[in-house]
Amino acid sequence: MAVVFVTVAPLGTATSSLSHYVAGVERVLRQSGLKHELTAMGTIVEGDLDRILPVLRKMHEQPFTQGAVRVSTLIKIDDRRDKAHTGEGKVRSVKEKLGE
């Protein structure tokens, strides 16, 4: 199972606000059925990497459909093969080591 952090950002738009574009990308994720969490700085997606990668492509393309002429997408993949893991489990492991 993979845990993926992704940020999709249109560049050179008429406004500094990106929430309109982020909402478009969020719609793509909701339609995918993948488990995900929107954060203030990007989105965490969890699941099988073969399912996630095509969705990442759609997410990258979404701002172009909204008028963007340039899009920068940052993708960070944690693909663990020895055992299943989740974003929640990763956070829990650190908190346990902190005694929380």
C-alpha atoms as a PDB file:
ATOM      1  CA  MET A   1       0.000   0.000   0.000  1.00  0.00           C
ATOM      2  CA  ALA A   2       1.227   3.479  -0.858  1.00  0.00           C
ATOM      3  CA  VAL A   3       0.864   6.767   0.966  1.00  0.00           C
ATOM      4  CA  VAL A   4       1.201   9.652  -1.476  1.00  0.00           C
ATOM      5  CA  PHE A   5       1.502  13.382  -0.793  1.00  0.00           C
ATOM      6  CA  VAL A   6       0.559  15.557  -3.752  1.00  0.00           C
ATOM      7  CA  THR A   7       0.345  19.277  -4.380  1.00  0.00           C
ATOM      8  CA  VAL A   8      -1.111  20.565  -7.658  1.00  0.00           C
ATOM      9  CA  ALA A   9      -0.547  24.271  -8.249  1.00  0.00           C
ATOM     10  CA  PRO A  10      -1.428  26.333 -11.312  1.00  0.00           C
ATOM     11  CA  LEU A  11       1.113  29.043 -12.099  1.00  0.00           C
ATOM     12  CA  GLY A  12       0.583  32.480 -13.584  1.00  0.00           C
ATOM     13  CA  THR A  13      -3.119  32.769 -12.822  1.00  0.00           C
ATOM     14  CA  ALA A  14      -4.934  36.086 -12.609  1.00  0.00           C
ATOM     15  CA  THR A  15      -5.266  35.760  -8.824  1.00  0.00           C
ATOM     16  CA  SER A  16      -3.090  34.540  -5.954  1.00  0.00           C
ATOM     17  CA  SER A  17      -5.993  32.480  -4.591  1.00  0.00           C
ATOM     18  CA  LEU A  18      -5.817  28.801  -5.559  1.00  0.00           C
ATOM     19  CA  SER A  19      -8.878  27.424  -3.735  1.00  0.00           C
ATOM     20  CA  HIS A  20     -10.936  27.363  -6.951  1.00  0.00           C
ATOM     21  CA  TYR A  21      -8.337  25.087  -8.543  1.00  0.00           C
ATOM     22  CA  VAL A  22      -7.886  22.997  -5.393  1.00  0.00           C
ATOM     23  CA  ALA A  23     -11.640  22.358  -5.347  1.00  0.00           C
ATOM     24  CA  GLY A  24     -11.444  21.086  -8.923  1.00  0.00           C
ATOM     25  CA  VAL A  25      -8.632  18.702  -8.012  1.00  0.00           C
ATOM     26  CA  GLU A  26     -10.547  17.564  -4.906  1.00  0.00           C
ATOM     27  CA  ARG A  27     -13.526  16.678  -7.114  1.00  0.00           C
ATOM     28  CA  VAL A  28     -11.281  14.407  -9.190  1.00  0.00           C
ATOM     29  CA  LEU A  29     -10.175  12.614  -6.022  1.00  0.00           C
ATOM     30  CA  ARG A  30     -13.704  12.237  -4.698  1.00  0.00           C
ATOM     31  CA  GLN A  31     -14.784  10.660  -7.975  1.00  0.00           C
ATOM     32  CA  SER A  32     -11.871   8.199  -7.767  1.00  0.00           C
ATOM     33  CA  GLY A  33     -13.067   6.628  -4.531  1.00  0.00           C
ATOM     34  CA  LEU A  34      -9.516   6.621  -3.132  1.00  0.00           C
ATOM     35  CA  LYS A  35      -8.993   7.332   0.554  1.00  0.00           C
ATOM     36  CA  HIS A  36      -7.549  10.830   0.859  1.00  0.00           C
ATOM     37  CA  GLU A  37      -7.129  13.750   3.211  1.00  0.00           C
ATOM     38  CA  LEU A  38      -7.005  17.384   2.147  1.00  0.00           C
ATOM     39  CA  THR A  39      -4.513  19.432   4.186  1.00  0.00           C
ATOM     40  CA  ALA A  40      -3.608  23.103   4.107  1.00  0.00           C
ATOM     41  CA  MET A  41      -0.481  22.411   2.019  1.00  0.00           C
ATOM     42  CA  GLY A  42      -1.467  19.444  -0.143  1.00  0.00           C
ATOM     43  CA  THR A  43      -3.359  16.177  -0.171  1.00  0.00           C
ATOM     44  CA  ILE A  44      -2.518  12.722   1.185  1.00  0.00           C
ATOM     45  CA  VAL A  45      -3.798   9.796  -0.893  1.00  0.00           C
ATOM     46  CA  GLU A  46      -3.677   6.163   0.251  1.00  0.00           C
ATOM     47  CA  GLY A  47      -4.122   2.930  -1.659  1.00  0.00           C
ATOM     48  CA  ASP A  48      -2.690   0.717  -4.345  1.00  0.00           C
ATOM     49  CA  LEU A  49      -0.126   2.606  -6.399  1.00  0.00           C
ATOM     50  CA  ASP A  50      -1.518   1.205  -9.666  1.00  0.00           C
ATOM     51  CA  ARG A  51      -4.847   2.869  -8.803  1.00  0.00           C
ATOM     52  CA  ILE A  52      -3.310   6.103  -7.549  1.00  0.00           C
ATOM     53  CA  LEU A  53      -0.995   6.949 -10.452  1.00  0.00           C
ATOM     54  CA  PRO A  54      -3.725   7.388 -13.110  1.00  0.00           C
ATOM     55  CA  VAL A  55      -5.675   9.583 -10.679  1.00  0.00           C
ATOM     56  CA  LEU A  56      -2.585  11.734 -10.083  1.00  0.00           C
ATOM     57  CA  ARG A  57      -2.452  12.339 -13.845  1.00  0.00           C
ATOM     58  CA  LYS A  58      -6.114  13.450 -13.828  1.00  0.00           C
ATOM     59  CA  MET A  59      -5.428  15.699 -10.850  1.00  0.00           C
ATOM     60  CA  HIS A  60      -2.527  17.316 -12.710  1.00  0.00           C
ATOM     61  CA  GLU A  61      -4.696  17.904 -15.789  1.00  0.00           C
ATOM     62  CA  GLN A  62      -7.662  19.393 -13.902  1.00  0.00           C
ATOM     63  CA  PRO A  63      -6.380  22.999 -13.580  1.00  0.00           C
ATOM     64  CA  PHE A  64      -5.845  23.134 -17.357  1.00  0.00           C
ATOM     65  CA  THR A  65      -9.583  22.482 -17.791  1.00  0.00           C
ATOM     66  CA  GLN A  66     -10.160  25.514 -15.552  1.00  0.00           C
ATOM     67  CA  GLY A  67      -8.056  27.841 -17.688  1.00  0.00           C
ATOM     68  CA  ALA A  68      -4.567  27.399 -16.228  1.00  0.00           C
ATOM     69  CA  VAL A  69      -1.784  27.522 -18.815  1.00  0.00           C
ATOM     70  CA  ARG A  70       0.931  26.076 -16.570  1.00  0.00           C
ATOM     71  CA  VAL A  71       0.686  23.573 -13.705  1.00  0.00           C
ATOM     72  CA  SER A  72       3.336  22.432 -11.230  1.00  0.00           C
ATOM     73  CA  THR A  73       2.669  19.127  -9.469  1.00  0.00           C
ATOM     74  CA  LEU A  74       4.746  17.805  -6.579  1.00  0.00           C
ATOM     75  CA  ILE A  75       4.372  14.098  -5.775  1.00  0.00           C
ATOM     76  CA  LYS A  76       5.991  12.244  -2.872  1.00  0.00           C
ATOM     77  CA  ILE A  77       5.392   8.475  -2.718  1.00  0.00           C
ATOM     78  CA  ASP A  78       5.945   6.202   0.298  1.00  0.00           C
ATOM     79  CA  ASP A  79       5.408   2.687  -1.111  1.00  0.00           C
ATOM     80  CA  ARG A  80       6.039   0.136   1.604  1.00  0.00           C
ATOM     81  CA  ARG A  81       6.048  -3.508   0.492  1.00  0.00           C
ATOM     82  CA  ASP A  82       6.978  -5.411   3.666  1.00  0.00           C
ATOM     83  CA  LYS A  83       3.737  -4.600   5.504  1.00  0.00           C
ATOM     84  CA  ALA A  84       0.608  -2.508   5.097  1.00  0.00           C
ATOM     85  CA  HIS A  85       0.810   1.047   6.364  1.00  0.00           C
ATOM     86  CA  THR A  86      -1.348   4.145   6.421  1.00  0.00           C
ATOM     87  CA  GLY A  87      -0.807   7.814   7.071  1.00  0.00           C
ATOM     88  CA  GLU A  88      -2.663   7.467  10.356  1.00  0.00           C
ATOM     89  CA  GLY A  89      -0.449   4.553  11.373  1.00  0.00           C
ATOM     90  CA  LYS A  90       2.697   6.508  10.569  1.00  0.00           C
ATOM     91  CA  VAL A  91       1.582   9.389  12.801  1.00  0.00           C
ATOM     92  CA  ARG A  92       0.524   6.994  15.567  1.00  0.00           C
ATOM     93  CA  SER A  93       3.969   5.340  15.523  1.00  0.00           C
ATOM     94  CA  VAL A  94       5.729   8.668  16.070  1.00  0.00           C
ATOM     95  CA  LYS A  95       3.304   9.675  18.850  1.00  0.00           C
ATOM     96  CA  GLU A  96       3.926   6.350  20.623  1.00  0.00           C
ATOM     97  CA  LYS A  97       7.649   7.036  20.577  1.00  0.00           C
ATOM     98  CA  LEU A  98       6.921  10.474  22.086  1.00  0.00           C
ATOM     99  CA  GLY A  99       4.945   8.824  24.881  1.00  0.00           C
ATOM    100  CA  GLU A 100       1.641  10.289  23.758  1.00  0.00           C
END
